[in-house]
Amino acid sequence: MNEKELFKILLEGKSNTLGRLLEIYDKVLSSQLTVMDVYNLYKMENRIVSMRVSNILKRLWRTESSYILPIVDQFIKDAKEYINPTFRWTIAQLFKELFHVLNLDQRIQLLFEIQRNFQLSDDWIMLSQSIDALIFAKNKKFEIGHMTTILDNLASDERKIIQKKLKKLKL
């Protein structure tokens, strides 16, 4: 299956459904597609496809981290360019959920990119996941005190979920 066909399959269905992502997930598990075949669709910058790509990748790393570990460095590299909120909140989730298998350099680089999320967009899911990642990092004794100014700017955000998470973070 080529990239255009895969993109088309993941675009099918209503935007608030899984569409055919379970079919693609199964194809990766059965080695009919590679993780990179799916991951590379992020570059298309399509909101629906990106959400489904993230869903597939999370299912894979929650099944077995070895599916994702070979592409963690690609996530880090692409994070320097991609501003897609779905991609950005996925790196926050990756940081938290795969922390135990990431090396120190990967942890530091992902945390740096997560901190950039606050400057790139005001997407509520991205901000929420990024705050969760900062809470996690703080609990793991990473220094995040330099984030005070950026987080203070969010104090005026009226979204309840953001305010609730900021209270949990308290620097």
Protein backbone atom coordinates (compact mmCIF):
# COMPACT_ATOMS: atom_id res chain seq x y z
CA MET A 1 0.00 0.00 0.00
CA ASN A 2 1.44 3.35 -0.96
CA GLU A 3 1.31 6.55 1.08
CA LYS A 4 -1.63 8.04 -0.84
CA GLU A 5 -3.71 4.90 -0.37
CA LEU A 6 -2.90 4.78 3.32
CA PHE A 7 -3.74 8.47 3.70
CA LYS A 8 -7.06 7.94 1.93
CA ILE A 9 -7.97 5.00 4.18
CA LEU A 10 -7.21 6.97 7.33
CA LEU A 11 -9.20 9.93 6.03
CA GLU A 12 -12.35 7.83 5.57
CA GLY A 13 -15.23 8.09 7.99
CA LYS A 14 -16.58 10.86 10.16
CA SER A 15 -13.96 12.99 11.85
CA ASN A 16 -15.07 12.05 15.36
CA THR A 17 -14.80 8.29 14.76
CA LEU A 18 -11.96 5.81 14.49
CA GLY A 19 -12.64 5.34 10.79
CA ARG A 20 -10.52 2.41 9.58
CA LEU A 21 -7.62 2.94 11.93
CA LEU A 22 -8.02 -0.47 13.58
CA GLU A 23 -7.55 -2.06 10.18
CA ILE A 24 -4.29 -0.14 9.74
CA TYR A 25 -3.21 -0.94 13.30
CA ASP A 26 -3.71 -4.65 12.55
CA LYS A 27 -1.68 -4.31 9.35
CA VAL A 28 1.24 -2.92 11.35
CA LEU A 29 0.96 -5.72 13.90
CA SER A 30 1.00 -8.29 11.09
CA SER A 31 3.96 -6.53 9.37
CA GLN A 32 1.95 -5.65 6.27
CA LEU A 33 2.78 -2.01 7.04
CA THR A 34 5.63 -0.51 9.01
CA VAL A 35 5.37 1.95 11.86
CA MET A 36 7.15 4.46 9.62
CA ASP A 37 4.52 3.97 6.89
CA VAL A 38 1.96 5.25 9.38
CA TYR A 39 4.20 7.82 11.09
CA ASN A 40 5.12 9.48 7.79
CA LEU A 41 1.52 10.60 7.34
CA TYR A 42 2.08 13.33 9.94
CA LYS A 43 3.85 15.32 7.25
CA MET A 44 0.54 15.63 5.37
CA GLU A 45 -0.63 18.02 8.13
CA ASN A 46 -4.23 16.76 7.97
CA ARG A 47 -6.07 17.06 11.28
CA ILE A 48 -8.16 13.90 10.93
CA VAL A 49 -5.34 11.73 9.61
CA SER A 50 -2.94 13.06 12.26
CA MET A 51 -5.36 12.17 15.05
CA ARG A 52 -5.72 8.67 13.64
CA VAL A 53 -1.95 8.29 13.18
CA SER A 54 -1.46 9.31 16.82
CA ASN A 55 -4.13 6.86 17.91
CA ILE A 56 -2.43 4.01 16.04
CA LEU A 57 1.02 4.89 17.40
CA LYS A 58 -0.28 5.08 20.98
CA ARG A 59 -2.00 1.72 20.58
CA LEU A 60 1.31 0.31 19.34
CA TRP A 61 3.44 1.64 22.18
CA ARG A 62 0.83 0.59 24.71
CA THR A 63 0.92 -2.90 23.20
CA GLU A 64 4.71 -3.08 23.06
CA SER A 65 7.12 -0.16 23.32
CA SER A 66 9.51 -1.84 20.90
CA TYR A 67 7.24 -0.76 18.05
CA ILE A 68 7.92 2.91 18.77
CA LEU A 69 11.41 3.01 20.29
CA PRO A 70 13.17 2.89 16.89
CA ILE A 71 11.37 6.08 15.81
CA VAL A 72 11.65 8.16 18.99
CA ASP A 73 14.61 10.04 17.53
CA GLN A 74 12.52 10.73 14.41
CA PHE A 75 9.79 12.19 16.64
CA ILE A 76 12.39 14.45 18.24
CA LYS A 77 13.83 15.51 14.88
CA ASP A 78 10.41 16.23 13.39
CA ALA A 79 9.28 18.09 16.49
CA LYS A 80 11.67 20.85 15.49
CA GLU A 81 9.53 21.41 12.37
CA TYR A 82 5.99 20.14 12.95
CA ILE A 83 3.53 22.44 14.66
CA ASN A 84 0.51 20.18 14.18
CA PRO A 85 -1.22 20.15 17.60
CA THR A 86 -1.96 16.42 17.38
CA PHE A 87 1.70 15.63 16.75
CA ARG A 88 2.67 18.00 19.57
CA TRP A 89 0.32 16.45 22.15
CA THR A 90 1.46 13.01 21.09
CA ILE A 91 5.08 13.83 21.98
CA ALA A 92 3.85 14.86 25.44
CA GLN A 93 2.09 11.52 25.83
CA LEU A 94 5.11 9.65 24.47
CA PHE A 95 7.32 11.37 27.06
CA LYS A 96 5.08 10.29 29.94
CA GLU A 97 4.18 6.81 28.78
CA LEU A 98 7.59 5.70 27.48
CA PHE A 99 9.72 7.59 30.00
CA HIS A 100 10.93 4.34 31.56
CA VAL A 101 12.46 3.15 28.26
CA LEU A 102 13.78 6.47 26.92
CA ASN A 103 17.40 7.39 27.39
CA LEU A 104 18.29 10.62 29.22
CA ASP A 105 19.06 12.52 26.02
CA GLN A 106 15.69 11.57 24.52
CA ARG A 107 13.92 12.61 27.73
CA ILE A 108 15.64 16.00 27.73
CA GLN A 109 14.98 16.66 24.05
CA LEU A 110 11.33 15.64 24.29
CA LEU A 111 10.86 17.82 27.36
CA PHE A 112 12.38 20.75 25.48
CA GLU A 113 9.90 20.23 22.64
CA ILE A 114 7.01 19.88 25.07
CA GLN A 115 7.99 23.23 26.58
CA ARG A 116 7.89 24.75 23.09
CA ASN A 117 4.26 23.64 22.80
CA PHE A 118 3.21 26.58 24.97
CA GLN A 119 4.58 28.99 22.39
CA LEU A 120 3.26 27.22 19.29
CA SER A 121 -0.48 26.96 19.83
CA ASP A 122 -3.34 27.39 22.24
CA ASP A 123 -4.96 24.07 21.32
CA TRP A 124 -6.51 22.90 24.58
CA ILE A 125 -5.61 19.23 24.19
CA MET A 126 -2.01 20.07 23.37
CA LEU A 127 -1.77 22.42 26.35
CA SER A 128 -3.47 19.94 28.66
CA GLN A 129 -1.20 17.06 27.63
CA SER A 130 1.85 19.33 27.83
CA ILE A 131 0.98 20.43 31.36
CA ASP A 132 0.50 16.77 32.30
CA ALA A 133 3.96 16.04 30.91
CA LEU A 134 5.44 18.91 32.95
CA ILE A 135 3.75 17.59 36.10
CA PHE A 136 5.21 14.18 35.33
CA ALA A 137 8.67 15.67 34.66
CA LYS A 138 8.55 17.67 37.89
CA ASN A 139 7.65 14.50 39.80
CA LYS A 140 10.64 12.80 38.15
CA LYS A 141 12.85 15.65 39.47
CA PHE A 142 13.39 17.43 36.15
CA GLU A 143 13.96 21.15 36.52
CA ILE A 144 11.04 23.06 35.03
CA GLY A 145 11.17 26.24 37.13
CA HIS A 146 12.22 28.26 34.10
CA MET A 147 8.69 27.67 32.74
CA THR A 148 7.16 30.03 35.32
CA THR A 149 6.74 33.00 32.95
CA ILE A 150 5.20 30.93 30.18
CA LEU A 151 2.84 29.20 32.58
CA ASP A 152 1.95 32.51 34.25
CA ASN A 153 0.74 33.66 30.85
CA LEU A 154 -1.72 30.76 30.88
CA ALA A 155 -3.17 31.93 34.20
CA SER A 156 -5.69 34.04 32.30
CA ASP A 157 -6.81 31.09 30.16
CA GLU A 158 -10.51 30.62 30.90
CA ARG A 159 -10.68 26.90 30.06
CA LYS A 160 -11.39 24.92 33.23
CA ILE A 161 -9.22 21.96 32.28
CA ILE A 162 -6.19 24.22 31.78
CA GLN A 163 -6.77 25.98 35.11
CA LYS A 164 -7.23 22.68 36.94
CA LYS A 165 -3.97 21.29 35.56
CA LEU A 166 -2.03 24.50 36.24
CA LYS A 167 -3.09 24.25 39.89
CA LYS A 168 -1.71 20.71 40.00
CA LEU A 169 1.58 21.90 38.51
CA LYS A 170 2.19 24.88 40.82
CA LEU A 171 5.85 25.74 40.33
